[in-house]
Amino acid sequence: MQQPPFHHSNQEPLPDANDIQAEFQGKPTVWHQEDPNFQLSEAGRSRLESDKRWLGNFIVGLLLAGFAIGGLLAVGLVWGMNRLNMIEPTPIPAQESAE
């Protein structure tokens, strides 16, 4: 059986049915972060922290860009509707009923 791409089974095995069953039964499961033999180097730790900061800044930047674009679109929509007289249209005179 061929492993899926970008997956290293020796470094980070996927959970199997036994792991899932143990989790539901409340038994402890060991992941690579909890493994006492797992050591992250100082360079790896600093790279992880810088990647977290970059990702946080990227998400905040996306939010700010979305708010800015949304605000400009809202102002443009109100301006265009006002210019086309769609916000407060002129009243249509009532038609007199024919008797």
N, C-alpha and C. Protein backbone atom coordinates (compact mmCIF):
# COMPACT_ATOMS: atom_id res chain seq x y z
N MET A 1 0.84 -1.17 0.00
CA MET A 1 0.00 0.00 0.00
C MET A 1 0.88 1.24 0.00
N GLN A 2 0.55 2.18 -0.84
CA GLN A 2 1.38 3.37 -0.99
C GLN A 2 0.93 4.45 0.00
N GLN A 3 1.91 5.10 0.64
CA GLN A 3 1.60 6.16 1.59
C GLN A 3 1.18 7.41 0.83
N PRO A 4 0.29 8.23 1.43
CA PRO A 4 -0.08 9.48 0.77
C PRO A 4 1.12 10.42 0.71
N PRO A 5 1.14 11.34 -0.23
CA PRO A 5 2.28 12.25 -0.35
C PRO A 5 2.37 13.17 0.87
N PHE A 6 3.56 13.65 1.14
CA PHE A 6 3.86 14.60 2.21
C PHE A 6 3.57 14.03 3.59
N HIS A 7 3.67 12.74 3.75
CA HIS A 7 3.44 12.14 5.06
C HIS A 7 4.60 11.22 5.39
N HIS A 8 5.24 11.48 6.50
CA HIS A 8 6.35 10.65 6.94
C HIS A 8 5.86 9.81 8.10
N SER A 9 5.59 8.54 7.85
CA SER A 9 5.00 7.70 8.88
C SER A 9 5.93 7.45 10.05
N ASN A 10 7.23 7.58 9.86
CA ASN A 10 8.15 7.37 10.97
C ASN A 10 8.18 8.56 11.92
N GLN A 11 7.98 9.75 11.40
CA GLN A 11 8.05 10.94 12.23
C GLN A 11 6.72 11.26 12.89
N GLU A 12 5.63 11.12 12.18
CA GLU A 12 4.33 11.51 12.71
C GLU A 12 3.28 10.53 12.20
N PRO A 13 3.09 9.42 12.89
CA PRO A 13 2.12 8.44 12.39
C PRO A 13 0.70 8.94 12.53
N LEU A 14 -0.13 8.58 11.57
CA LEU A 14 -1.53 8.93 11.64
C LEU A 14 -2.22 8.04 12.68
N PRO A 15 -3.26 8.56 13.36
CA PRO A 15 -3.94 7.72 14.34
C PRO A 15 -4.70 6.60 13.64
N ASP A 16 -4.71 5.43 14.26
CA ASP A 16 -5.48 4.33 13.71
C ASP A 16 -6.69 4.09 14.60
N ALA A 17 -7.44 3.02 14.32
CA ALA A 17 -8.67 2.74 15.06
C ALA A 17 -8.39 2.52 16.53
N ASN A 18 -7.27 1.90 16.86
CA ASN A 18 -6.94 1.66 18.27
C ASN A 18 -6.71 2.97 19.02
N ASP A 19 -6.05 3.92 18.38
CA ASP A 19 -5.82 5.22 19.01
C ASP A 19 -7.13 5.95 19.24
N ILE A 20 -8.03 5.90 18.25
CA ILE A 20 -9.31 6.58 18.38
C ILE A 20 -10.15 5.93 19.47
N GLN A 21 -10.15 4.60 19.52
CA GLN A 21 -10.90 3.90 20.56
C GLN A 21 -10.33 4.21 21.94
N ALA A 22 -9.02 4.25 22.08
CA ALA A 22 -8.40 4.58 23.36
C ALA A 22 -8.75 6.00 23.79
N GLU A 23 -8.83 6.91 22.82
CA GLU A 23 -9.19 8.29 23.16
C GLU A 23 -10.62 8.37 23.68
N PHE A 24 -11.55 7.64 23.06
CA PHE A 24 -12.93 7.66 23.52
C PHE A 24 -13.10 6.97 24.87
N GLN A 25 -12.25 6.01 25.17
CA GLN A 25 -12.32 5.32 26.45
C GLN A 25 -11.59 6.09 27.55
N GLY A 26 -10.97 7.17 27.21
CA GLY A 26 -10.29 7.99 28.19
C GLY A 26 -8.88 7.54 28.50
N LYS A 27 -8.37 6.59 27.75
CA LYS A 27 -7.00 6.14 27.97
C LYS A 27 -6.04 7.15 27.35
N PRO A 28 -4.88 7.33 27.93
CA PRO A 28 -3.94 8.31 27.38
C PRO A 28 -3.37 7.84 26.04
N THR A 29 -3.25 8.77 25.14
CA THR A 29 -2.61 8.50 23.86
C THR A 29 -1.35 9.36 23.78
N VAL A 30 -0.32 8.84 23.18
CA VAL A 30 0.96 9.55 23.11
C VAL A 30 1.12 10.12 21.71
N TRP A 31 1.24 11.44 21.63
CA TRP A 31 1.51 12.12 20.37
C TRP A 31 2.95 12.57 20.39
N HIS A 32 3.45 12.98 19.25
CA HIS A 32 4.87 13.32 19.19
C HIS A 32 5.21 14.55 20.03
N GLN A 33 4.26 15.46 20.28
CA GLN A 33 4.54 16.61 21.12
C GLN A 33 4.72 16.19 22.57
N GLU A 34 4.04 15.12 23.00
CA GLU A 34 4.11 14.67 24.38
C GLU A 34 5.24 13.66 24.60
N ASP A 35 5.88 13.25 23.54
CA ASP A 35 6.94 12.26 23.64
C ASP A 35 8.14 12.88 24.35
N PRO A 36 8.60 12.31 25.46
CA PRO A 36 9.74 12.91 26.18
C PRO A 36 11.03 12.87 25.38
N ASN A 37 11.13 11.98 24.41
CA ASN A 37 12.35 11.90 23.60
C ASN A 37 12.36 12.91 22.45
N PHE A 38 11.23 13.57 22.23
CA PHE A 38 11.15 14.53 21.13
C PHE A 38 11.80 15.84 21.57
N GLN A 39 12.82 16.27 20.85
CA GLN A 39 13.54 17.50 21.17
C GLN A 39 13.52 18.42 19.96
N LEU A 40 13.16 19.66 20.20
CA LEU A 40 13.18 20.67 19.15
C LEU A 40 14.41 21.53 19.36
N SER A 41 15.19 21.70 18.31
CA SER A 41 16.41 22.48 18.45
C SER A 41 16.08 23.95 18.67
N GLU A 42 17.09 24.70 19.11
CA GLU A 42 16.89 26.13 19.36
C GLU A 42 16.56 26.86 18.06
N ALA A 43 17.20 26.47 16.96
CA ALA A 43 16.91 27.08 15.67
C ALA A 43 15.48 26.75 15.24
N GLY A 44 15.08 25.50 15.46
CA GLY A 44 13.72 25.11 15.11
C GLY A 44 12.68 25.83 15.96
N ARG A 45 13.01 26.02 17.25
CA ARG A 45 12.08 26.71 18.15
C ARG A 45 11.93 28.18 17.74
N SER A 46 13.05 28.84 17.40
CA SER A 46 12.96 30.24 16.98
C SER A 46 12.25 30.36 15.63
N ARG A 47 12.47 29.39 14.75
CA ARG A 47 11.77 29.39 13.46
C ARG A 47 10.27 29.21 13.66
N LEU A 48 9.89 28.33 14.59
CA LEU A 48 8.48 28.11 14.90
C LEU A 48 7.84 29.38 15.44
N GLU A 49 8.51 30.07 16.34
CA GLU A 49 7.98 31.30 16.90
C GLU A 49 7.86 32.39 15.83
N SER A 50 8.85 32.50 14.95
CA SER A 50 8.78 33.52 13.90
C SER A 50 7.67 33.18 12.90
N ASP A 51 7.47 31.89 12.63
CA ASP A 51 6.38 31.50 11.73
C ASP A 51 5.02 31.80 12.35
N LYS A 52 4.89 31.59 13.66
CA LYS A 52 3.64 31.92 14.35
C LYS A 52 3.37 33.42 14.27
N ARG A 53 4.41 34.24 14.52
CA ARG A 53 4.24 35.69 14.43
C ARG A 53 3.86 36.11 13.02
N TRP A 54 4.52 35.51 12.01
CA TRP A 54 4.22 35.87 10.63
C TRP A 54 2.79 35.49 10.28
N LEU A 55 2.35 34.31 10.69
CA LEU A 55 0.98 33.88 10.40
C LEU A 55 -0.03 34.78 11.10
N GLY A 56 0.24 35.17 12.34
CA GLY A 56 -0.66 36.09 13.04
C GLY A 56 -0.74 37.43 12.34
N ASN A 57 0.41 37.97 11.93
CA ASN A 57 0.42 39.24 11.21
C ASN A 57 -0.30 39.12 9.86
N PHE A 58 -0.14 37.99 9.20
CA PHE A 58 -0.80 37.78 7.91
C PHE A 58 -2.31 37.76 8.07
N ILE A 59 -2.80 37.08 9.10
CA ILE A 59 -4.25 37.01 9.33
C ILE A 59 -4.80 38.39 9.70
N VAL A 60 -4.09 39.12 10.55
CA VAL A 60 -4.53 40.47 10.90
C VAL A 60 -4.52 41.36 9.66
N GLY A 61 -3.52 41.22 8.80
CA GLY A 61 -3.47 41.99 7.56
C GLY A 61 -4.64 41.67 6.64
N LEU A 62 -4.98 40.39 6.53
CA LEU A 62 -6.14 40.01 5.72
C LEU A 62 -7.43 40.61 6.27
N LEU A 63 -7.58 40.58 7.59
CA LEU A 63 -8.77 41.18 8.20
C LEU A 63 -8.84 42.68 7.93
N LEU A 64 -7.73 43.37 8.13
CA LEU A 64 -7.72 44.82 7.89
C LEU A 64 -7.98 45.15 6.43
N ALA A 65 -7.40 44.37 5.52
CA ALA A 65 -7.65 44.61 4.09
C ALA A 65 -9.11 44.35 3.76
N GLY A 66 -9.70 43.32 4.34
CA GLY A 66 -11.12 43.04 4.11
C GLY A 66 -12.01 44.15 4.61
N PHE A 67 -11.69 44.67 5.82
CA PHE A 67 -12.48 45.78 6.34
C PHE A 67 -12.34 47.02 5.47
N ALA A 68 -11.13 47.30 5.00
CA ALA A 68 -10.91 48.48 4.16
C ALA A 68 -11.65 48.35 2.84
N ILE A 69 -11.55 47.20 2.20
CA ILE A 69 -12.24 47.00 0.91
C ILE A 69 -13.75 47.04 1.11
N GLY A 70 -14.23 46.40 2.18
CA GLY A 70 -15.66 46.42 2.48
C GLY A 70 -16.17 47.83 2.74
N GLY A 71 -15.39 48.62 3.47
CA GLY A 71 -15.78 50.00 3.74
C GLY A 71 -15.84 50.83 2.47
N LEU A 72 -14.83 50.67 1.61
CA LEU A 72 -14.85 51.41 0.34
C LEU A 72 -16.03 51.00 -0.54
N LEU A 73 -16.32 49.71 -0.58
CA LEU A 73 -17.46 49.26 -1.37
C LEU A 73 -18.78 49.78 -0.80
N ALA A 74 -18.91 49.82 0.51
CA ALA A 74 -20.14 50.33 1.12
C ALA A 74 -20.32 51.82 0.82
N VAL A 75 -19.24 52.59 0.97
CA VAL A 75 -19.33 54.02 0.67
C VAL A 75 -19.65 54.23 -0.80
N GLY A 76 -19.01 53.48 -1.68
CA GLY A 76 -19.29 53.60 -3.11
C GLY A 76 -20.72 53.21 -3.46
N LEU A 77 -21.24 52.20 -2.81
CA LEU A 77 -22.61 51.77 -3.07
C LEU A 77 -23.61 52.84 -2.63
N VAL A 78 -23.41 53.42 -1.45
CA VAL A 78 -24.30 54.47 -0.98
C VAL A 78 -24.20 55.70 -1.88
N TRP A 79 -22.98 56.04 -2.29
CA TRP A 79 -22.80 57.20 -3.17
C TRP A 79 -23.51 56.96 -4.50
N GLY A 80 -23.32 55.77 -5.08
CA GLY A 80 -23.96 55.47 -6.36
C GLY A 80 -25.47 55.42 -6.26
N MET A 81 -26.00 54.84 -5.20
CA MET A 81 -27.46 54.81 -5.05
C MET A 81 -28.03 56.21 -4.83
N ASN A 82 -27.29 57.05 -4.11
CA ASN A 82 -27.75 58.42 -3.91
C ASN A 82 -27.71 59.20 -5.22
N ARG A 83 -26.68 58.97 -6.00
CA ARG A 83 -26.56 59.67 -7.28
C ARG A 83 -27.65 59.25 -8.26
N LEU A 84 -28.04 57.99 -8.20
CA LEU A 84 -29.11 57.49 -9.06
C LEU A 84 -30.50 57.72 -8.46
N ASN A 85 -30.54 58.44 -7.35
CA ASN A 85 -31.79 58.80 -6.69
C ASN A 85 -32.56 57.54 -6.27
N MET A 86 -31.86 56.55 -5.75
CA MET A 86 -32.51 55.31 -5.32
C MET A 86 -32.71 55.26 -3.81
N ILE A 87 -32.07 56.15 -3.08
CA ILE A 87 -32.21 56.14 -1.63
C ILE A 87 -33.50 56.83 -1.23
N GLU A 88 -33.73 58.03 -1.72
CA GLU A 88 -34.96 58.76 -1.46
C GLU A 88 -35.56 59.13 -2.81
N PRO A 89 -36.28 58.20 -3.41
CA PRO A 89 -36.83 58.49 -4.72
C PRO A 89 -37.91 59.58 -4.65
N THR A 90 -38.07 60.29 -5.77
CA THR A 90 -39.11 61.31 -5.82
C THR A 90 -40.47 60.64 -5.75
N PRO A 91 -41.38 61.24 -4.98
CA PRO A 91 -42.68 60.59 -4.87
C PRO A 91 -43.45 60.63 -6.19
N ILE A 92 -44.14 59.56 -6.44
CA ILE A 92 -44.98 59.47 -7.65
C ILE A 92 -46.32 60.07 -7.32
N PRO A 93 -46.78 61.04 -8.12
CA PRO A 93 -48.08 61.66 -7.80
C PRO A 93 -49.21 60.62 -7.90
N ALA A 94 -50.12 60.73 -6.96
CA ALA A 94 -51.24 59.79 -6.93
C ALA A 94 -52.15 60.04 -8.12
N GLN A 95 -52.59 58.96 -8.74
CA GLN A 95 -53.49 59.09 -9.90
C GLN A 95 -54.93 59.29 -9.40
N GLU A 96 -55.60 60.19 -10.05
CA GLU A 96 -56.98 60.44 -9.66
C GLU A 96 -57.85 59.32 -10.20
N SER A 97 -58.77 58.89 -9.39
CA SER A 97 -59.64 57.81 -9.85
C SER A 97 -60.71 58.37 -10.76
N ALA A 98 -61.01 57.69 -11.83
CA ALA A 98 -62.03 58.12 -12.80
C ALA A 98 -63.39 57.69 -12.28
N GLU A 99 -64.32 58.69 -12.16
CA GLU A 99 -65.64 58.37 -11.66
C GLU A 99 -66.65 58.43 -12.73
